[in-house]
Structures are given as structure tokens and as C-alpha cells.
N, C-alpha and C. Protein backbone atom coordinates (compact mmCIF):
# COMPACT_ATOMS: atom_id res chain seq x y z
N MET A 1 165.85 -33.81 115.14
CA MET A 1 167.16 -33.44 114.63
C MET A 1 167.90 -32.64 115.70
N SER A 2 169.10 -33.06 116.01
CA SER A 2 169.86 -32.36 117.05
C SER A 2 170.45 -31.08 116.48
N GLY A 3 170.83 -30.18 117.36
CA GLY A 3 171.34 -28.89 116.95
C GLY A 3 172.64 -28.95 116.17
N ASP A 4 173.43 -30.02 116.36
CA ASP A 4 174.72 -30.10 115.67
C ASP A 4 174.67 -31.01 114.45
N GLU A 5 173.48 -31.52 114.09
CA GLU A 5 173.35 -32.36 112.91
C GLU A 5 173.39 -31.49 111.66
N GLN A 6 174.19 -31.91 110.70
CA GLN A 6 174.38 -31.13 109.49
C GLN A 6 173.28 -31.44 108.48
N THR A 7 172.81 -30.43 107.78
CA THR A 7 171.83 -30.64 106.72
C THR A 7 172.57 -31.02 105.43
N PHE A 8 171.80 -31.53 104.48
CA PHE A 8 172.37 -31.84 103.18
C PHE A 8 173.00 -30.60 102.56
N GLU A 9 172.29 -29.50 102.63
CA GLU A 9 172.77 -28.25 102.01
C GLU A 9 174.06 -27.77 102.65
N GLN A 10 174.16 -27.89 103.98
CA GLN A 10 175.39 -27.49 104.66
C GLN A 10 176.56 -28.39 104.26
N ALA A 11 176.30 -29.68 104.19
CA ALA A 11 177.35 -30.63 103.80
C ALA A 11 177.80 -30.37 102.36
N GLN A 12 176.85 -30.10 101.48
CA GLN A 12 177.18 -29.82 100.09
C GLN A 12 178.03 -28.55 99.98
N ALA A 13 177.66 -27.52 100.71
CA ALA A 13 178.42 -26.27 100.67
C ALA A 13 179.84 -26.47 101.20
N GLU A 14 179.97 -27.23 102.30
CA GLU A 14 181.30 -27.49 102.85
C GLU A 14 182.14 -28.30 101.86
N LEU A 15 181.51 -29.28 101.21
CA LEU A 15 182.22 -30.10 100.22
C LEU A 15 182.70 -29.24 99.06
N GLU A 16 181.86 -28.31 98.61
CA GLU A 16 182.26 -27.40 97.53
C GLU A 16 183.46 -26.55 97.93
N GLN A 17 183.47 -26.08 99.18
CA GLN A 17 184.60 -25.29 99.67
C GLN A 17 185.89 -26.12 99.70
N ILE A 18 185.76 -27.38 100.12
CA ILE A 18 186.93 -28.26 100.16
C ILE A 18 187.47 -28.47 98.76
N VAL A 19 186.60 -28.73 97.81
CA VAL A 19 187.04 -28.93 96.42
C VAL A 19 187.78 -27.69 95.92
N GLN A 20 187.25 -26.52 96.20
CA GLN A 20 187.91 -25.28 95.78
C GLN A 20 189.31 -25.16 96.40
N ARG A 21 189.40 -25.46 97.70
CA ARG A 21 190.71 -25.38 98.38
C ARG A 21 191.70 -26.34 97.75
N LEU A 22 191.25 -27.55 97.48
CA LEU A 22 192.15 -28.54 96.89
C LEU A 22 192.55 -28.17 95.47
N GLU A 23 191.61 -27.62 94.71
CA GLU A 23 191.91 -27.21 93.34
C GLU A 23 192.91 -26.05 93.29
N GLN A 24 192.91 -25.21 94.31
CA GLN A 24 193.85 -24.09 94.36
C GLN A 24 195.28 -24.58 94.56
N GLY A 25 195.43 -25.74 95.17
CA GLY A 25 196.75 -26.34 95.33
C GLY A 25 197.64 -25.63 96.33
N GLN A 26 197.09 -24.86 97.25
CA GLN A 26 197.91 -24.10 98.19
C GLN A 26 197.95 -24.73 99.58
N ALA A 27 197.27 -25.87 99.76
CA ALA A 27 197.27 -26.53 101.06
C ALA A 27 198.52 -27.40 101.19
N SER A 28 199.02 -27.48 102.42
CA SER A 28 200.15 -28.38 102.66
C SER A 28 199.68 -29.82 102.47
N LEU A 29 200.60 -30.75 102.41
CA LEU A 29 200.25 -32.15 102.21
C LEU A 29 199.34 -32.65 103.32
N ASP A 30 199.71 -32.36 104.56
CA ASP A 30 198.88 -32.81 105.69
C ASP A 30 197.49 -32.20 105.64
N GLU A 31 197.42 -30.91 105.33
CA GLU A 31 196.12 -30.24 105.24
C GLU A 31 195.30 -30.81 104.08
N ALA A 32 195.96 -31.06 102.95
CA ALA A 32 195.26 -31.62 101.79
C ALA A 32 194.70 -33.00 102.12
N LEU A 33 195.47 -33.81 102.84
CA LEU A 33 194.98 -35.13 103.23
C LEU A 33 193.78 -35.03 104.17
N ALA A 34 193.85 -34.11 105.11
CA ALA A 34 192.73 -33.91 106.04
C ALA A 34 191.50 -33.42 105.29
N LEU A 35 191.69 -32.50 104.35
CA LEU A 35 190.58 -32.00 103.55
C LEU A 35 189.97 -33.12 102.71
N TRP A 36 190.83 -33.95 102.14
CA TRP A 36 190.36 -35.07 101.32
C TRP A 36 189.52 -36.03 102.17
N GLU A 37 190.00 -36.35 103.36
CA GLU A 37 189.26 -37.25 104.25
C GLU A 37 187.91 -36.65 104.63
N ARG A 38 187.89 -35.37 104.94
CA ARG A 38 186.63 -34.72 105.28
C ARG A 38 185.70 -34.71 104.07
N GLY A 39 186.26 -34.49 102.91
CA GLY A 39 185.47 -34.52 101.68
C GLY A 39 184.83 -35.88 101.45
N GLU A 40 185.57 -36.94 101.73
CA GLU A 40 185.03 -38.30 101.60
C GLU A 40 183.85 -38.50 102.55
N GLN A 41 183.99 -38.00 103.77
CA GLN A 41 182.90 -38.12 104.75
C GLN A 41 181.66 -37.36 104.28
N LEU A 42 181.88 -36.16 103.80
CA LEU A 42 180.76 -35.34 103.33
C LEU A 42 180.09 -35.96 102.11
N TYR A 43 180.90 -36.51 101.20
CA TYR A 43 180.35 -37.15 100.01
C TYR A 43 179.47 -38.33 100.42
N ALA A 44 179.96 -39.16 101.35
CA ALA A 44 179.18 -40.32 101.80
C ALA A 44 177.87 -39.86 102.45
N PHE A 45 177.94 -38.82 103.26
CA PHE A 45 176.74 -38.27 103.90
C PHE A 45 175.74 -37.80 102.86
N CYS A 46 176.20 -37.03 101.88
CA CYS A 46 175.31 -36.50 100.84
C CYS A 46 174.73 -37.64 100.00
N ARG A 47 175.55 -38.61 99.65
CA ARG A 47 175.09 -39.75 98.85
C ARG A 47 173.99 -40.51 99.60
N GLU A 48 174.20 -40.71 100.90
CA GLU A 48 173.20 -41.41 101.72
C GLU A 48 171.89 -40.64 101.75
N ARG A 49 171.98 -39.34 101.94
CA ARG A 49 170.76 -38.51 101.99
C ARG A 49 170.03 -38.53 100.64
N LEU A 50 170.79 -38.46 99.54
CA LEU A 50 170.16 -38.49 98.22
C LEU A 50 169.50 -39.84 97.95
N ASP A 51 170.18 -40.93 98.31
CA ASP A 51 169.61 -42.26 98.12
C ASP A 51 168.33 -42.42 98.93
N SER A 52 168.33 -41.91 100.15
CA SER A 52 167.15 -41.97 101.00
C SER A 52 166.00 -41.17 100.39
N ALA A 53 166.31 -39.98 99.91
CA ALA A 53 165.28 -39.14 99.29
C ALA A 53 164.72 -39.81 98.05
N GLN A 54 165.57 -40.42 97.26
CA GLN A 54 165.12 -41.11 96.05
C GLN A 54 164.17 -42.25 96.41
N GLY A 55 164.51 -43.01 97.44
CA GLY A 55 163.64 -44.09 97.89
C GLY A 55 162.28 -43.57 98.33
N LYS A 56 162.27 -42.46 99.04
CA LYS A 56 160.99 -41.88 99.48
C LYS A 56 160.16 -41.41 98.31
N VAL A 57 160.79 -40.77 97.33
CA VAL A 57 160.08 -40.29 96.15
C VAL A 57 159.49 -41.48 95.38
N GLU A 58 160.26 -42.55 95.24
CA GLU A 58 159.76 -43.73 94.54
C GLU A 58 158.58 -44.35 95.28
N GLU A 59 158.65 -44.40 96.60
CA GLU A 59 157.55 -44.93 97.40
C GLU A 59 156.30 -44.06 97.25
N LEU A 60 156.47 -42.75 97.30
CA LEU A 60 155.33 -41.85 97.12
C LEU A 60 154.72 -42.00 95.72
N ALA A 61 155.55 -42.16 94.71
CA ALA A 61 155.05 -42.35 93.35
C ALA A 61 154.26 -43.65 93.25
N ARG A 62 154.71 -44.71 93.92
CA ARG A 62 153.96 -45.97 93.93
C ARG A 62 152.60 -45.78 94.60
N ARG A 63 152.59 -45.07 95.72
CA ARG A 63 151.33 -44.83 96.43
C ARG A 63 150.34 -44.06 95.56
N VAL A 64 150.84 -43.04 94.86
CA VAL A 64 149.97 -42.25 93.99
C VAL A 64 149.42 -43.15 92.88
N GLU A 65 150.27 -43.96 92.29
CA GLU A 65 149.85 -44.84 91.22
C GLU A 65 148.80 -45.84 91.71
N GLN A 66 148.98 -46.36 92.91
CA GLN A 66 148.05 -47.34 93.47
C GLN A 66 146.72 -46.70 93.85
N SER A 67 146.73 -45.42 94.17
CA SER A 67 145.50 -44.77 94.61
C SER A 67 144.66 -44.24 93.45
N ARG A 68 145.19 -44.30 92.25
CA ARG A 68 144.43 -43.84 91.09
C ARG A 68 143.28 -44.81 90.81
N PRO A 69 142.11 -44.28 90.50
CA PRO A 69 140.98 -45.16 90.17
C PRO A 69 141.24 -45.88 88.85
N GLU A 70 140.68 -47.08 88.74
CA GLU A 70 140.79 -47.84 87.50
C GLU A 70 140.02 -47.13 86.40
N PRO A 71 140.58 -47.09 85.18
CA PRO A 71 139.86 -46.45 84.08
C PRO A 71 138.58 -47.21 83.76
N GLN A 72 137.53 -46.47 83.47
CA GLN A 72 136.25 -47.05 83.08
C GLN A 72 136.30 -47.42 81.60
N THR A 73 135.83 -48.61 81.29
CA THR A 73 135.81 -49.01 79.88
C THR A 73 134.42 -49.16 79.37
């Protein structure tokens, strides 16, 4: 991971700040558009990270299930 790569938590926090700024309604039109665009980028980044994490969890769950011994009858 490079030093300038953003973590999920950092992206989420920045996205929350953007939402707050937009909800306050005090940004100029140009600033609001720039914030909206950045928010879209952050949302896509977070969605990608969550989808990736979900895939890993599902794969790990399959491995655990496959490694369980068969029940004795």
C-alpha cells in the first residue's frame, strides 16, 4: 500500500464530511458540484472495497464449511 492510498475509513469519513457540507447548503454552486463529484468518487471507492470484503468473507466461509469433518452416523 502506497503512502497516499486512502483507506476505507478515511474515504468514509471524507464522504460524511462532504454530505454534511452539502446538507448545510452554504456551498456555492461550483463548490457543491465539485463536492458532489468527489462524493461520487468516494462512494464508488467504498462500494468497491465493501464488495471485495464481502467476496473474501464468502470465500472464507466456504473454506470453513469444506474443512468441517463429515458427521458420523
